[in-house]
Amino acid sequence: MSTVLAGGLLAAMGLGVVAGAQGVAKRPMRFEDLDAMKRVGDPQISPSGKWVLFAVTDVVLAKNSKTNHLWVVPIDGAAKERQISEGSGESEGRFSPDGKWVMYAANTAEGKGQLFVAAWDDAKGKMGKGKAVTSLETEADGGVWAPDSKHFLFVSEVYPECESMAPLGDGRNQEELDCNRDKDAEAAKSPVKGQVFDSLLYRHWDHYQGKKRSHVFYGSVETPSWPTDLTPAKVIGDHVAPTFSLGGPTGYAISPDGREVAYVVNLEKVPAESTNNDVFTLRLGHEPWEAKKVSTAMGSDDGPAYSPDGKWLAWRSQKRDGFESDKFDLVVMDRATGAIKDLTTKFENWVDEFAWSSDSKQLYYATGVAGREAVQVAAMALRSSPGVGRTAGSCRR
């Protein structure tokens, strides 16, 4: 479920997020009070519907540190929330579709960010000991499960020039992994740490681009050393996939039958001058250059999400290029015909995050309305006046 849509559940269940005793004398809030607050976010509903898994960030001013851990609470509020991970920092917890596993991002003993999988006891709401399912020198995060609960998508920042020309398969994957490992080792040994930039978009927010580029990978929990790069340089050039988004929806998804991947990339010559992000689809097992662009708008298209029945692919879409504040509409594509329909064209506010209903007949989306964050519904009947969705609920911003 979308983070925005699920986020209200945490407040509704009365989670205790501020340290301190009850009944103390009233006084003005101080910085130390803000420091003592636990930051709660990224809620995920278990497949059984019994649990909410979420991340809690502890801030320690004395150590100038922020540490994430995974917590869980019964969705009916019958018991108090509790922490279920105990490492040096865990985040991005995701239930497997079969409800037997939790994937999460954490650092190894060597300080490398990797993806881990731990057994999930749905009856007790407990997570077992995690094991790493990635071992990339270039690290990994952003895990998204495939429907079979054995494969997953993720993101890693790699050197574009390490793309192998070998045939599709383990040999190509290993060659690319070895090249990236060697380049990282070479960079670590070099006494020169300065960087020279000769083009725009050298920094995303507080993160410098450097020589690596974010690529989307397809991995397996059974063969963690051999992930496949789905967006190599021969396909996306010197660009990043998915396109950088500050707090937006996930830029890649996998179809319900596990045979197709959708991802977002901006292939404009100068991405700093353009917001023309596009949605591409690729059949798994096929060469990455066979990916097809399915979006058609001149502005940004992002957040692809397949309907549970596999018939539709939805995403957010802006009409104008170069205008970051343009209205985001919610569009759906018939995967059989490629026809695209705008569901919110007559709705004046833009769409934030969204989620499919389980029967694929409706889309729930978050949107700002009169100072509140409302959850509205767009029906898949594709009636003559789509997008004038009814409000399912709202919370004050």
Protein backbone atom coordinates (compact mmCIF):
# COMPACT_ATOMS: atom_id res chain seq x y z
CA MET A 1 0.00 0.00 0.00
CA SER A 2 1.14 3.56 -0.65
CA THR A 3 3.07 5.15 2.23
CA VAL A 4 0.86 8.25 2.12
CA LEU A 5 -2.35 6.23 2.11
CA ALA A 6 -1.22 3.90 4.87
CA GLY A 7 0.40 6.62 6.96
CA GLY A 8 -2.87 7.64 8.61
CA LEU A 9 -3.13 4.18 10.17
CA LEU A 10 -0.22 4.92 12.49
CA ALA A 11 -1.89 7.99 13.91
CA ALA A 12 -5.25 6.23 14.11
CA MET A 13 -3.81 3.44 16.26
CA GLY A 14 -2.40 5.89 18.79
CA LEU A 15 1.26 4.97 18.54
CA GLY A 16 3.44 6.47 21.27
CA VAL A 17 6.09 8.45 19.44
CA VAL A 18 7.29 10.91 22.07
CA ALA A 19 9.56 9.89 24.93
CA GLY A 20 8.71 11.22 28.39
CA ALA A 21 6.42 10.65 31.33
CA GLN A 22 2.79 11.67 31.58
CA GLY A 23 1.63 14.41 33.89
CA VAL A 24 4.73 16.63 33.88
CA ALA A 25 4.32 20.38 34.28
CA LYS A 26 3.60 22.31 31.10
CA ARG A 27 6.43 24.34 29.57
CA PRO A 28 7.47 25.59 26.15
CA MET A 29 8.80 22.93 23.79
CA ARG A 30 12.59 22.88 23.51
CA PHE A 31 14.95 21.49 20.89
CA GLU A 32 15.73 18.58 23.20
CA ASP A 33 12.05 17.61 23.10
CA LEU A 34 12.11 17.43 19.32
CA ASP A 35 15.30 15.39 19.57
CA ALA A 36 13.53 12.90 21.88
CA MET A 37 10.68 12.29 19.43
CA LYS A 38 10.70 9.07 17.46
CA ARG A 39 10.21 9.59 13.72
CA VAL A 40 7.58 7.14 12.42
CA GLY A 41 7.06 6.32 8.73
CA ASP A 42 6.94 3.89 5.81
CA PRO A 43 3.98 1.75 7.03
CA GLN A 44 3.40 -1.59 5.26
CA ILE A 45 0.34 -3.85 5.67
CA SER A 46 0.97 -7.59 5.98
CA PRO A 47 -0.68 -9.86 3.36
CA SER A 48 -2.85 -11.31 6.12
CA GLY A 49 -4.12 -7.86 7.04
CA LYS A 50 -3.18 -8.42 10.68
CA TRP A 51 -0.08 -6.26 11.05
CA VAL A 52 1.42 -2.90 10.19
CA LEU A 53 5.19 -2.95 9.75
CA PHE A 54 6.84 0.47 9.96
CA ALA A 55 10.16 2.22 10.50
CA VAL A 56 11.09 4.26 13.56
CA THR A 57 14.03 6.65 13.55
CA ASP A 58 15.79 7.44 16.84
CA VAL A 59 17.79 10.67 16.94
CA VAL A 60 20.66 10.99 19.45
CA LEU A 61 21.91 14.54 19.57
CA ALA A 62 24.99 13.69 21.65
CA LYS A 63 26.17 11.26 18.98
CA ASN A 64 24.84 13.32 16.06
CA SER A 65 23.19 10.13 14.82
CA LYS A 66 19.91 8.85 13.37
CA THR A 67 19.17 5.12 13.58
CA ASN A 68 16.26 3.28 11.96
CA HIS A 69 14.67 0.12 13.28
CA LEU A 70 11.62 -1.90 12.22
CA TRP A 71 8.56 -1.96 14.46
CA VAL A 72 5.21 -3.74 14.22
CA VAL A 73 1.73 -3.22 15.63
CA PRO A 74 -1.52 -5.21 15.24
CA ILE A 75 -3.79 -3.45 12.80
CA ASP A 76 -6.72 -3.78 15.22
CA GLY A 77 -4.76 -2.02 17.97
CA ALA A 78 -5.18 -4.99 20.32
CA ALA A 79 -1.58 -4.79 21.51
CA LYS A 80 1.11 -2.17 21.89
CA GLU A 81 3.60 -1.49 19.10
CA ARG A 82 7.06 -3.03 19.51
CA GLN A 83 10.48 -3.09 17.91
CA ILE A 84 11.31 -6.27 15.97
CA SER A 85 14.79 -5.57 14.56
CA GLU A 86 17.92 -5.14 16.64
CA GLY A 87 20.80 -4.40 14.25
CA SER A 88 22.80 -1.25 13.64
CA GLY A 89 20.00 0.19 11.49
CA GLU A 90 17.18 -1.36 9.43
CA SER A 91 14.71 0.29 7.06
CA GLU A 92 12.48 -0.29 4.00
CA GLY A 93 10.74 -3.31 5.51
CA ARG A 94 8.61 -5.16 2.94
CA PHE A 95 6.42 -8.27 3.40
CA SER A 96 6.75 -10.95 0.74
CA PRO A 97 3.49 -11.63 -1.17
CA ASP A 98 3.17 -15.06 0.46
CA GLY A 99 3.52 -13.49 3.91
CA LYS A 100 6.45 -15.69 4.94
CA TRP A 101 9.31 -13.20 4.73
CA VAL A 102 10.31 -9.62 5.39
CA MET A 103 12.90 -7.91 3.20
CA TYR A 104 14.72 -4.88 4.55
CA ALA A 105 17.78 -2.72 3.94
CA ALA A 106 20.67 -2.69 6.43
CA ASN A 107 24.44 -2.43 6.61
CA THR A 108 26.72 -5.44 6.76
CA ALA A 109 29.54 -5.77 9.28
CA GLU A 110 31.77 -4.12 6.66
CA GLY A 111 29.47 -1.11 6.47
CA LYS A 112 28.01 -1.94 3.05
CA GLY A 113 24.31 -1.31 2.48
CA GLN A 114 22.62 -4.54 1.34
CA LEU A 115 19.19 -6.16 1.27
CA PHE A 116 18.32 -8.81 3.84
CA VAL A 117 15.49 -11.32 4.19
CA ALA A 118 14.13 -12.66 7.49
CA ALA A 119 11.42 -15.25 8.18
CA TRP A 120 8.11 -13.75 9.34
CA ASP A 121 5.89 -15.41 11.98
CA ASP A 122 2.46 -13.99 11.17
CA ALA A 123 0.79 -15.60 14.18
CA LYS A 124 3.15 -13.97 16.68
CA GLY A 125 4.16 -10.90 14.70
CA LYS A 126 7.85 -11.70 14.99
CA MET A 127 10.75 -11.57 12.57
CA GLY A 128 13.60 -14.07 12.51
CA LYS A 129 17.29 -13.47 11.94
CA GLY A 130 18.04 -11.83 8.62
CA LYS A 131 20.35 -13.11 5.90
CA ALA A 132 21.82 -10.97 3.12
CA VAL A 133 20.36 -11.57 -0.34
CA THR A 134 22.63 -9.06 -2.09
CA SER A 135 26.39 -8.78 -1.87
CA LEU A 136 27.23 -6.00 -4.30
CA GLU A 137 30.29 -3.85 -3.83
CA THR A 138 28.11 -0.99 -5.11
CA GLU A 139 25.50 -1.74 -2.41
CA ALA A 140 21.74 -2.18 -2.76
CA ASP A 141 18.46 -0.78 -1.49
CA GLY A 142 14.84 -0.18 -2.52
CA GLY A 143 13.77 -3.83 -2.57
CA VAL A 144 10.43 -4.66 -4.25
CA TRP A 145 9.20 -8.26 -4.13
CA ALA A 146 8.18 -10.21 -7.23
CA PRO A 147 4.86 -12.12 -6.98
CA ASP A 148 6.62 -15.47 -6.52
CA SER A 149 8.26 -14.30 -3.26
CA LYS A 150 11.59 -15.57 -4.63
CA HIS A 151 12.73 -12.70 -6.82
CA PHE A 152 12.87 -8.96 -6.32
CA LEU A 153 13.75 -5.63 -7.89
CA PHE A 154 16.22 -3.25 -6.30
CA VAL A 155 18.50 -0.31 -7.06
CA SER A 156 22.30 -0.04 -7.02
CA GLU A 157 24.66 2.74 -8.12
CA VAL A 158 27.11 1.28 -10.65
CA TYR A 159 29.75 2.45 -13.10
CA PRO A 160 28.08 2.73 -16.56
CA GLU A 161 31.30 1.71 -18.30
CA CYS A 162 31.21 -1.67 -16.53
CA GLU A 163 28.45 -2.91 -18.82
CA SER A 164 29.38 -6.28 -20.30
CA MET A 165 28.81 -7.25 -23.94
CA ALA A 166 28.62 -10.95 -23.05
CA PRO A 167 25.39 -12.90 -23.76
CA LEU A 168 22.50 -12.44 -21.35
CA GLY A 169 23.02 -14.62 -18.27
CA ASP A 170 25.21 -15.29 -15.25
CA GLY A 171 28.45 -14.72 -17.16
CA ARG A 172 27.45 -11.19 -18.09
CA ASN A 173 26.22 -10.44 -14.57
CA GLN A 174 29.42 -11.69 -12.93
CA GLU A 175 31.61 -9.75 -15.35
CA GLU A 176 29.80 -6.53 -14.47
CA LEU A 177 29.98 -7.24 -10.74
CA ASP A 178 33.73 -7.87 -10.95
CA CYS A 179 34.30 -4.65 -12.91
CA ASN A 180 32.36 -2.57 -10.38
CA ARG A 181 34.21 -4.18 -7.48
CA ASP A 182 37.59 -3.43 -9.06
CA LYS A 183 36.67 0.20 -9.78
CA ASP A 184 35.48 0.74 -6.22
CA ALA A 185 38.71 -0.76 -4.90
CA GLU A 186 40.74 1.50 -7.19
CA ALA A 187 38.81 4.59 -6.05
CA ALA A 188 39.30 3.66 -2.38
CA LYS A 189 43.07 3.38 -2.84
CA SER A 190 43.43 6.66 -4.72
CA PRO A 191 44.63 9.59 -2.57
CA VAL A 192 42.68 11.97 -4.82
CA LYS A 193 39.14 12.43 -3.53
CA GLY A 194 38.18 15.59 -5.41
CA GLN A 195 35.61 15.41 -8.19
CA VAL A 196 35.29 17.44 -11.39
CA PHE A 197 31.87 18.05 -12.96
CA ASP A 198 31.45 19.29 -16.51
CA SER A 199 27.67 19.08 -16.85
CA LEU A 200 24.55 20.05 -14.94
CA LEU A 201 22.56 17.80 -12.62
CA TYR A 202 25.72 16.82 -10.78
CA ARG A 203 23.84 16.80 -7.48
CA HIS A 204 20.43 15.54 -6.35
CA TRP A 205 19.40 17.48 -3.25
CA ASP A 206 22.31 16.70 -0.86
CA HIS A 207 23.75 13.79 -2.87
CA TYR A 208 26.50 14.31 -5.45
CA GLN A 209 26.19 12.20 -8.58
CA GLY A 210 29.84 11.23 -8.93
CA LYS A 211 30.91 8.62 -11.49
CA LYS A 212 28.19 6.09 -10.71
CA ARG A 213 24.63 5.91 -11.95
CA SER A 214 21.58 4.37 -10.31
CA HIS A 215 20.33 1.27 -12.19
CA VAL A 216 17.39 -1.08 -11.61
CA PHE A 217 18.32 -4.73 -10.95
CA TYR A 218 16.45 -8.02 -10.81
CA GLY A 219 17.68 -10.45 -8.16
CA SER A 220 16.86 -13.76 -6.51
CA VAL A 221 16.87 -14.80 -2.87
CA GLU A 222 18.26 -18.15 -4.02
CA THR A 223 21.22 -16.77 -6.03
CA PRO A 224 22.12 -13.50 -4.28
CA SER A 225 25.44 -13.03 -6.13
CA TRP A 226 24.04 -12.87 -9.67
CA PRO A 227 21.54 -10.00 -10.12
CA THR A 228 20.71 -8.73 -13.62
CA ASP A 229 21.06 -5.06 -14.59
CA LEU A 230 17.79 -4.18 -16.36
CA THR A 231 18.85 -0.64 -17.28
CA PRO A 232 22.46 -0.79 -18.57
CA ALA A 233 24.22 2.12 -20.28
CA LYS A 234 23.41 0.84 -23.79
CA VAL A 235 19.74 1.43 -22.88
CA ILE A 236 19.71 4.53 -20.66
CA GLY A 237 23.10 6.04 -21.52
CA ASP A 238 24.62 8.34 -18.90
CA HIS A 239 21.33 8.65 -17.03
CA VAL A 240 19.85 7.23 -13.83
CA ALA A 241 17.01 4.73 -13.42
CA PRO A 242 14.71 5.27 -11.78
CA THR A 243 14.76 9.05 -12.19
CA PHE A 244 15.55 10.78 -8.90
CA SER A 245 12.45 11.70 -6.93
CA LEU A 246 12.42 13.36 -3.52
CA GLY A 247 9.74 11.52 -1.58
CA GLY A 248 7.69 10.53 -4.62
CA PRO A 249 6.25 7.11 -5.48
CA THR A 250 8.53 4.19 -6.32
CA GLY A 251 9.97 4.45 -9.83
CA TYR A 252 9.74 0.75 -10.76
CA ALA A 253 7.26 -2.11 -10.45
CA ILE A 254 6.75 -5.73 -11.50
CA SER A 255 3.62 -7.20 -13.07
CA PRO A 256 1.36 -9.65 -11.16
CA ASP A 257 2.52 -12.56 -13.34
CA GLY A 258 6.16 -11.67 -12.66
CA ARG A 259 6.99 -11.44 -16.38
CA GLU A 260 7.28 -7.69 -16.94
CA VAL A 261 8.95 -4.74 -15.25
CA ALA A 262 8.06 -1.06 -15.55
CA TYR A 263 10.57 1.63 -14.70
CA VAL A 264 11.03 5.41 -15.01
CA VAL A 265 13.92 7.15 -16.76
CA ASN A 266 14.60 10.58 -18.31
CA LEU A 267 16.51 10.10 -21.57
CA GLU A 268 16.72 13.77 -22.54
CA LYS A 269 20.21 14.91 -23.59
CA VAL A 270 20.30 17.44 -20.73
CA PRO A 271 18.05 16.09 -17.92
CA ALA A 272 18.67 19.24 -15.85
CA GLU A 273 16.66 21.19 -18.43
CA SER A 274 13.80 18.70 -18.69
CA THR A 275 11.19 16.97 -16.54
CA ASN A 276 10.25 14.57 -19.35
CA ASN A 277 10.49 11.38 -17.32
CA ASP A 278 9.00 8.40 -19.14
CA VAL A 279 7.68 4.96 -18.21
CA PHE A 280 9.29 1.99 -19.98
CA THR A 281 8.30 -1.67 -19.82
CA LEU A 282 10.57 -4.70 -20.28
CA ARG A 283 9.75 -8.39 -20.49
CA LEU A 284 11.94 -10.23 -17.99
CA GLY A 285 14.37 -12.63 -19.63
CA HIS A 286 14.62 -10.40 -22.71
CA GLU A 287 17.53 -8.13 -23.56
CA PRO A 288 17.25 -4.74 -21.77
CA TRP A 289 17.32 -2.83 -25.08
CA GLU A 290 13.96 -4.39 -25.94
CA ALA A 291 12.30 -2.11 -23.36
CA LYS A 292 9.41 -0.06 -24.79
CA LYS A 293 8.38 3.48 -23.89
CA VAL A 294 4.67 3.40 -23.03
CA SER A 295 4.08 6.91 -21.67
CA THR A 296 3.33 9.74 -24.12
CA ALA A 297 3.13 12.99 -22.13
CA MET A 298 5.72 15.73 -22.59
CA GLY A 299 6.04 16.23 -18.83
CA SER A 300 6.96 13.84 -16.04
CA ASP A 301 5.49 10.33 -15.91
CA ASP A 302 6.31 8.41 -12.74
CA GLY A 303 5.18 5.89 -10.12
CA PRO A 304 4.15 2.95 -12.37
CA ALA A 305 1.84 0.44 -10.67
CA TYR A 306 0.24 -2.68 -12.19
CA SER A 307 -3.36 -3.53 -11.35
CA PRO A 308 -3.74 -6.77 -9.36
CA ASP A 309 -5.48 -8.46 -12.31
CA GLY A 310 -2.61 -7.47 -14.61
CA LYS A 311 -4.82 -5.73 -17.17
CA TRP A 312 -3.79 -2.17 -16.42
CA LEU A 313 -0.67 -0.10 -15.73
CA ALA A 314 -1.23 3.19 -13.88
CA TRP A 315 1.11 6.11 -13.28
CA ARG A 316 1.15 9.82 -12.49
CA SER A 317 1.52 12.18 -15.43
CA GLN A 318 2.25 15.86 -16.07
CA LYS A 319 1.43 17.48 -19.40
CA ARG A 320 4.19 20.14 -19.65
CA ASP A 321 7.94 19.63 -19.86
CA GLY A 322 10.24 21.71 -17.66
CA PHE A 323 7.48 22.63 -15.18
CA GLU A 324 8.09 20.76 -11.93
CA SER A 325 4.96 22.18 -10.28
CA ASP A 326 2.64 21.14 -13.09
CA LYS A 327 -0.45 19.20 -12.04
CA PHE A 328 0.04 15.46 -11.65
CA ASP A 329 -2.88 13.51 -13.10
CA LEU A 330 -3.59 9.81 -12.63
CA VAL A 331 -3.59 7.86 -15.89
CA VAL A 332 -4.13 4.19 -16.73
CA MET A 333 -3.00 2.18 -19.74
CA ASP A 334 -4.80 -0.85 -21.10
CA ARG A 335 -1.90 -3.31 -21.41
CA ALA A 336 -3.65 -5.20 -24.20
CA THR A 337 -4.19 -2.20 -26.49
CA GLY A 338 -1.77 0.45 -25.17
CA ALA A 339 -4.64 2.96 -24.89
CA ILE A 340 -4.09 5.56 -22.14
CA LYS A 341 -6.91 7.25 -20.20
CA ASP A 342 -6.62 10.22 -17.82
CA LEU A 343 -8.82 9.56 -14.76
CA THR A 344 -8.38 12.95 -13.05
CA THR A 345 -8.29 15.44 -15.91
CA LYS A 346 -11.35 17.30 -14.55
CA PHE A 347 -10.05 17.27 -10.97
CA GLU A 348 -8.25 20.55 -10.19
CA ASN A 349 -5.73 19.24 -7.60
CA TRP A 350 -2.78 17.02 -8.34
CA VAL A 351 -2.37 13.38 -7.40
CA ASP A 352 0.24 12.48 -4.79
CA GLU A 353 0.61 8.74 -4.13
CA PHE A 354 -1.97 6.15 -5.17
CA ALA A 355 -2.86 2.47 -4.73
CA TRP A 356 -5.03 -0.07 -6.55
CA SER A 357 -8.01 -1.72 -4.90
CA SER A 358 -7.70 -5.50 -4.63
CA ASP A 359 -10.36 -6.06 -7.32
CA SER A 360 -8.61 -3.71 -9.82
CA LYS A 361 -11.82 -1.69 -10.20
CA GLN A 362 -10.74 1.42 -8.30
CA LEU A 363 -7.68 3.54 -7.59
CA TYR A 364 -7.28 5.32 -4.27
CA TYR A 365 -5.13 8.43 -4.36
CA ALA A 366 -3.94 11.06 -1.91
CA THR A 367 -4.45 14.71 -2.82
CA GLY A 368 -4.42 18.09 -1.12
CA VAL A 369 -7.89 19.61 -0.72
CA ALA A 370 -8.50 22.86 1.19
CA GLY A 371 -5.55 22.38 3.52
CA ARG A 372 -6.20 18.72 4.14
CA GLU A 373 -4.66 15.58 2.67
CA ALA A 374 -7.67 13.73 1.31
CA VAL A 375 -7.92 10.16 0.04
CA GLN A 376 -10.16 10.00 -3.01
CA VAL A 377 -11.34 7.24 -5.32
CA ALA A 378 -11.25 6.98 -9.10
CA ALA A 379 -13.37 4.19 -10.59
CA MET A 380 -12.09 2.09 -13.48
CA ALA A 381 -15.47 2.30 -15.26
CA LEU A 382 -13.83 5.06 -17.34
CA ARG A 383 -17.07 6.98 -17.34
CA SER A 384 -17.54 10.19 -19.32
CA SER A 385 -16.43 12.36 -16.40
CA PRO A 386 -13.57 10.42 -14.82
CA GLY A 387 -11.55 11.79 -11.95
CA VAL A 388 -14.31 13.51 -10.00
CA GLY A 389 -13.59 10.96 -7.31
CA ARG A 390 -15.44 10.72 -4.05
CA THR A 391 -13.46 11.38 -0.89
CA ALA A 392 -12.68 8.27 1.14
CA GLY A 393 -11.15 10.21 4.05
CA SER A 394 -8.82 13.04 4.94
CA CYS A 395 -6.43 14.33 7.57
CA ARG A 396 -5.27 17.86 8.31
CA ARG A 397 -1.78 18.64 7.01
